[in-house]
Amino acid sequence: MLLSLKDAISHLVKRTRLPHSALIPLMELVRVNEQAVQEWFLQKRMPVGPNYFALVTFMEALGYQIQESQGIRKEFRMYSRALAFGLITPEVALRDLDYAETTSVYKILDGRNKKMTKIKEDVLRQSVADMEVEINRRFADLQRTVSGLALAASVQTIPVFGAIPDPPDDGGGEPRVTHPKVQTPRPISAPTAYDKWWKDDLIEKFSKEASWMMVWSRLMISDAFTPEDRDRLRRKVGEGHGIFQLAALLGKLCSETARNQNDGG
């Protein structure tokens, strides 16, 4: 899907209805506070320089084709990703490419200025060649981090975690509830195609949410959150018992041995 950066952001926010879930990996990438990133998503203001390249890189990792990036040569896009990932600093780019100010570097990389001497192009190409493996590795890592959100952006709304999906419209299988408070399915002696389908779907959703839970948990226990913030979270998740119960349930998923121990818990 080819969209301008602003249209891509609008599409993401409209489709996911949960832009906050996008903020965490983007905050980690650009190392700015949540308020600044929220302003980008609300389009109150747009970033410049490395943060602009980071936002473009983030949207591309989600699967969007950004219109502003079309027509820009590969080595220029790779160099901008190196800036986004912090592999080089604006000061290093300024020195290596021999420009008087960083805005000149940014204009070259984002396509606003297409004039560049051969000597500078050769320096840029060599820099990209030296960093290409690491740039590609970091981009692949970012794609994996946002893979759950990328799936959500491709549908009308984010699938409710824990909900059993409606069956495919093929006339087969017994419809199940789609409320987020899932009823435990009754035991079945002969699984149907639909039984396998919703289990596969739930396993896929759970695995992606688990990845997010690890990211969120690391952020929640960091110094970015105060003890008061964590207390507020505990109250929202069942006055503290909810987190304890979740931890106990997740512990039972570690192995079948763990699952069968203390079954009354």
Protein backbone atom coordinates (compact mmCIF):
# COMPACT_ATOMS: atom_id res chain seq x y z
CA MET A 1 0.00 0.00 0.00
CA LEU A 2 1.61 3.25 -1.19
CA LEU A 3 0.72 6.19 1.06
CA SER A 4 2.24 9.47 2.15
CA LEU A 5 3.75 9.31 5.64
CA LYS A 6 0.85 11.28 7.13
CA ASP A 7 -1.76 9.12 5.36
CA ALA A 8 0.02 5.96 6.51
CA ILE A 9 -0.08 7.20 10.12
CA SER A 10 -3.78 8.06 9.78
CA HIS A 11 -4.44 4.61 8.33
CA LEU A 12 -2.57 2.91 11.18
CA VAL A 13 -4.38 4.86 13.88
CA LYS A 14 -7.78 4.36 12.25
CA ARG A 15 -7.35 0.65 11.67
CA THR A 16 -5.74 -0.34 14.97
CA ARG A 17 -7.66 2.08 17.22
CA LEU A 18 -4.77 1.57 19.60
CA PRO A 19 -1.86 3.80 18.65
CA HIS A 20 -0.38 3.44 22.15
CA SER A 21 0.69 -0.12 21.32
CA ALA A 22 2.83 1.34 18.56
CA LEU A 23 4.50 3.83 20.85
CA ILE A 24 6.69 1.46 22.84
CA PRO A 25 8.96 0.10 20.07
CA LEU A 26 9.03 3.52 18.42
CA MET A 27 10.00 5.20 21.71
CA GLU A 28 12.78 2.65 22.09
CA LEU A 29 13.95 3.35 18.55
CA VAL A 30 14.01 7.15 18.71
CA ARG A 31 14.67 7.52 22.46
CA VAL A 32 12.16 10.31 23.01
CA ASN A 33 9.29 10.54 25.47
CA GLU A 34 5.80 9.24 24.86
CA GLN A 35 4.27 12.70 24.54
CA ALA A 36 6.51 13.53 21.58
CA VAL A 37 5.65 10.28 19.80
CA GLN A 38 1.93 10.78 20.49
CA GLU A 39 2.15 14.20 18.84
CA TRP A 40 3.54 12.51 15.71
CA PHE A 41 0.65 10.06 15.64
CA LEU A 42 -1.86 12.85 16.23
CA GLN A 43 0.04 14.85 13.57
CA LYS A 44 0.31 17.89 15.81
CA ARG A 45 3.88 18.09 14.61
CA MET A 46 6.18 15.84 12.61
CA PRO A 47 9.76 14.89 13.51
CA VAL A 48 12.83 16.04 11.63
CA GLY A 49 16.26 14.57 10.99
CA PRO A 50 17.03 11.14 12.49
CA ASN A 51 13.62 10.99 14.19
CA TYR A 52 11.91 11.53 10.82
CA PHE A 53 13.95 8.70 9.32
CA ALA A 54 13.12 6.55 12.36
CA LEU A 55 9.39 7.16 11.89
CA VAL A 56 9.62 6.28 8.18
CA THR A 57 11.63 3.16 9.03
CA PHE A 58 9.06 2.19 11.67
CA MET A 59 6.15 2.54 9.23
CA GLU A 60 8.06 0.56 6.59
CA ALA A 61 8.67 -2.19 9.15
CA LEU A 62 4.90 -2.34 9.56
CA GLY A 63 4.59 -2.99 5.83
CA TYR A 64 3.66 0.47 4.57
CA GLN A 65 5.22 1.82 1.39
CA ILE A 66 5.95 5.47 2.10
CA GLN A 67 5.42 7.76 -0.86
CA GLU A 68 8.16 10.18 0.17
CA SER A 69 10.71 7.35 0.01
CA GLN A 70 9.86 6.35 -3.55
CA GLY A 71 12.53 7.37 -6.04
CA ILE A 72 15.21 7.76 -3.39
CA ARG A 73 18.19 5.57 -4.17
CA LYS A 74 18.75 2.46 -2.07
CA GLU A 75 22.07 3.59 -0.61
CA PHE A 76 20.49 6.88 0.54
CA ARG A 77 17.60 5.04 2.20
CA MET A 78 20.04 2.66 3.88
CA TYR A 79 22.10 5.58 5.17
CA SER A 80 18.97 7.20 6.58
CA ARG A 81 18.16 3.91 8.35
CA ALA A 82 21.65 3.91 9.83
CA LEU A 83 20.83 7.33 11.29
CA ALA A 84 17.46 6.03 12.50
CA PHE A 85 19.06 3.08 14.29
CA GLY A 86 21.80 5.24 15.80
CA LEU A 87 24.56 3.42 13.94
CA ILE A 88 25.88 6.84 12.97
CA THR A 89 25.23 10.23 14.53
CA PRO A 90 24.32 13.42 12.68
CA GLU A 91 27.75 14.75 13.65
CA VAL A 92 29.51 11.77 12.05
CA ALA A 93 27.36 12.12 8.90
CA LEU A 94 28.22 15.81 8.77
CA ARG A 95 31.93 15.08 9.02
CA ASP A 96 32.03 12.11 6.63
CA LEU A 97 29.92 13.74 3.92
CA ASP A 98 31.65 17.11 4.38
CA TYR A 99 28.60 19.35 4.67
CA ALA A 100 28.40 22.62 6.54
CA GLU A 101 25.18 21.79 8.41
CA THR A 102 23.10 18.72 9.21
CA THR A 103 20.04 20.05 7.37
CA SER A 104 22.03 19.66 4.13
CA VAL A 105 22.57 15.98 4.95
CA TYR A 106 18.86 15.49 5.70
CA LYS A 107 17.80 17.16 2.45
CA ILE A 108 20.02 14.79 0.48
CA LEU A 109 18.69 11.73 2.28
CA ASP A 110 14.99 12.63 2.10
CA GLY A 111 15.14 13.62 -1.57
CA ARG A 112 14.64 17.36 -1.26
CA ASN A 113 18.11 17.96 -2.72
CA LYS A 114 19.25 15.61 -5.47
CA LYS A 115 22.64 17.21 -6.11
CA MET A 116 25.61 15.46 -4.57
CA THR A 117 29.22 15.31 -5.71
CA LYS A 118 30.67 11.96 -6.78
CA ILE A 119 33.22 12.07 -3.98
CA LYS A 120 30.48 12.42 -1.37
CA GLU A 121 28.42 9.68 -3.05
CA ASP A 122 31.40 7.33 -2.92
CA VAL A 123 31.88 8.05 0.79
CA LEU A 124 28.19 7.42 1.46
CA ARG A 125 28.21 4.15 -0.52
CA GLN A 126 31.25 2.89 1.36
CA SER A 127 29.66 3.76 4.71
CA VAL A 128 26.50 1.85 3.72
CA ALA A 129 28.56 -1.13 2.55
CA ASP A 130 30.35 -1.21 5.91
CA MET A 131 27.04 -1.08 7.86
CA GLU A 132 24.64 -2.95 5.55
CA VAL A 133 24.60 -6.24 7.44
CA GLU A 134 23.88 -4.50 10.75
CA ILE A 135 21.27 -2.18 9.21
CA ASN A 136 19.43 -5.17 7.74
CA ARG A 137 19.68 -7.09 11.02
CA ARG A 138 18.20 -4.23 13.01
CA PHE A 139 15.42 -3.70 10.49
CA ALA A 140 14.55 -7.41 10.64
CA ASP A 141 14.51 -7.21 14.46
CA LEU A 142 12.16 -4.21 14.26
CA GLN A 143 9.87 -6.09 11.87
CA ARG A 144 9.65 -8.97 14.32
CA THR A 145 8.94 -6.60 17.21
CA VAL A 146 6.03 -4.94 15.41
CA SER A 147 4.72 -8.05 13.67
CA GLY A 148 1.66 -8.21 15.91
CA LEU A 149 0.80 -4.59 15.20
CA ALA A 150 1.44 -5.11 11.49
CA LEU A 151 -1.21 -7.82 11.46
CA ALA A 152 -3.61 -5.56 13.32
CA ALA A 153 -3.03 -2.76 10.82
CA SER A 154 -4.12 -5.02 7.98
CA VAL A 155 -7.63 -5.55 9.35
CA GLN A 156 -10.47 -3.31 10.42
CA THR A 157 -9.74 -3.45 14.15
CA ILE A 158 -7.28 -5.12 16.47
CA PRO A 159 -8.48 -8.66 17.25
CA VAL A 160 -9.55 -8.79 20.89
CA PHE A 161 -7.01 -10.85 22.75
CA GLY A 162 -8.66 -13.91 24.25
CA ALA A 163 -11.72 -13.80 22.01
CA ILE A 164 -12.64 -16.84 19.97
CA PRO A 165 -13.08 -15.71 16.37
CA ASP A 166 -16.14 -16.23 14.25
CA PRO A 167 -15.87 -19.27 11.98
CA PRO A 168 -15.06 -18.92 8.30
CA ASP A 169 -18.15 -18.44 6.20
CA ASP A 170 -18.12 -21.96 4.81
CA GLY A 171 -21.14 -23.35 6.59
CA GLY A 172 -19.06 -25.73 8.69
CA GLY A 173 -18.48 -25.88 12.38
CA GLU A 174 -20.52 -24.67 15.29
CA PRO A 175 -20.43 -20.90 15.96
CA ARG A 176 -18.70 -19.99 19.20
CA VAL A 177 -18.96 -16.95 21.43
CA THR A 178 -16.90 -13.92 20.40
CA HIS A 179 -16.97 -12.13 23.73
CA PRO A 180 -13.51 -11.33 25.14
CA LYS A 181 -14.40 -13.29 28.29
CA VAL A 182 -13.98 -16.62 26.60
CA GLN A 183 -16.03 -19.59 27.67
CA THR A 184 -13.95 -22.74 27.95
CA PRO A 185 -14.95 -24.96 25.01
CA ARG A 186 -16.45 -28.27 26.02
CA PRO A 187 -14.31 -31.37 25.39
CA ILE A 188 -14.79 -32.82 21.94
CA SER A 189 -14.25 -36.38 20.85
CA ALA A 190 -13.93 -35.68 17.13
CA PRO A 191 -12.40 -32.24 16.40
CA THR A 192 -13.89 -30.47 13.41
CA ALA A 193 -12.01 -28.26 10.96
CA TYR A 194 -13.38 -25.25 12.80
CA ASP A 195 -12.11 -26.48 16.16
CA LYS A 196 -8.60 -26.60 14.72
CA TRP A 197 -9.04 -23.19 13.06
CA TRP A 198 -9.97 -21.25 16.19
CA LYS A 199 -7.25 -22.96 18.22
CA ASP A 200 -4.64 -22.10 15.61
CA ASP A 201 -5.98 -18.54 15.57
CA LEU A 202 -5.83 -18.23 19.36
CA ILE A 203 -2.30 -19.69 19.53
CA GLU A 204 -1.20 -17.16 16.91
CA LYS A 205 -2.78 -14.25 18.80
CA PHE A 206 -1.41 -15.45 22.14
CA SER A 207 2.14 -15.75 20.83
CA LYS A 208 2.05 -12.20 19.48
CA GLU A 209 0.48 -10.77 22.64
CA ALA A 210 3.10 -12.61 24.71
CA SER A 211 5.84 -10.86 22.75
CA TRP A 212 4.18 -7.52 23.50
CA MET A 213 3.73 -8.47 27.17
CA MET A 214 7.49 -8.99 27.46
CA VAL A 215 8.15 -5.56 25.91
CA TRP A 216 5.51 -3.89 28.08
CA SER A 217 6.69 -5.63 31.24
CA ARG A 218 10.30 -4.54 30.68
CA LEU A 219 9.09 -0.98 30.25
CA MET A 220 6.77 -1.12 33.29
CA ILE A 221 9.53 -2.32 35.65
CA SER A 222 12.00 0.24 34.33
CA ASP A 223 12.64 3.61 35.94
CA ALA A 224 10.45 5.21 33.26
CA PHE A 225 7.50 4.19 35.48
CA THR A 226 7.17 5.23 39.11
CA PRO A 227 5.99 2.98 41.97
CA GLU A 228 2.72 4.92 41.83
CA ASP A 229 2.36 4.06 38.13
CA ARG A 230 2.86 0.37 38.89
CA ASP A 231 0.38 0.52 41.77
CA ARG A 232 -2.16 2.03 39.39
CA LEU A 233 -1.58 -0.85 36.99
CA ARG A 234 -2.02 -3.40 39.78
CA ARG A 235 -5.33 -1.83 40.83
CA LYS A 236 -6.57 -1.92 37.26
CA VAL A 237 -5.67 -5.58 36.94
CA GLY A 238 -7.75 -6.90 39.80
CA GLU A 239 -6.33 -5.03 42.81
CA GLY A 240 -2.98 -6.76 42.40
CA HIS A 241 -4.33 -10.32 42.40
CA GLY A 242 -4.84 -10.22 38.64
CA ILE A 243 -1.13 -9.96 37.91
CA PHE A 244 -0.35 -12.70 40.42
CA GLN A 245 -2.96 -14.98 38.85
CA LEU A 246 -1.67 -14.19 35.35
CA ALA A 247 1.88 -15.06 36.42
CA ALA A 248 0.64 -18.35 37.92
CA LEU A 249 -1.26 -19.25 34.76
CA LEU A 250 1.67 -18.39 32.52
CA GLY A 251 3.86 -20.54 34.75
CA LYS A 252 1.60 -23.50 33.97
CA LEU A 253 2.24 -22.96 30.26
CA CYS A 254 5.99 -23.44 30.67
CA SER A 255 5.66 -27.22 30.36
CA GLU A 256 3.15 -30.05 30.70
CA THR A 257 4.79 -30.97 34.02
CA ALA A 258 4.15 -27.43 35.28
CA ARG A 259 0.60 -27.56 33.92
CA ASN A 260 -0.21 -30.72 35.88
CA GLN A 261 1.20 -29.50 39.17
CA ASN A 262 -1.06 -27.87 41.77
CA ASP A 263 -4.02 -28.22 39.48
CA GLY A 264 -6.34 -26.63 41.96
CA GLY A 265 -4.61 -23.22 41.49
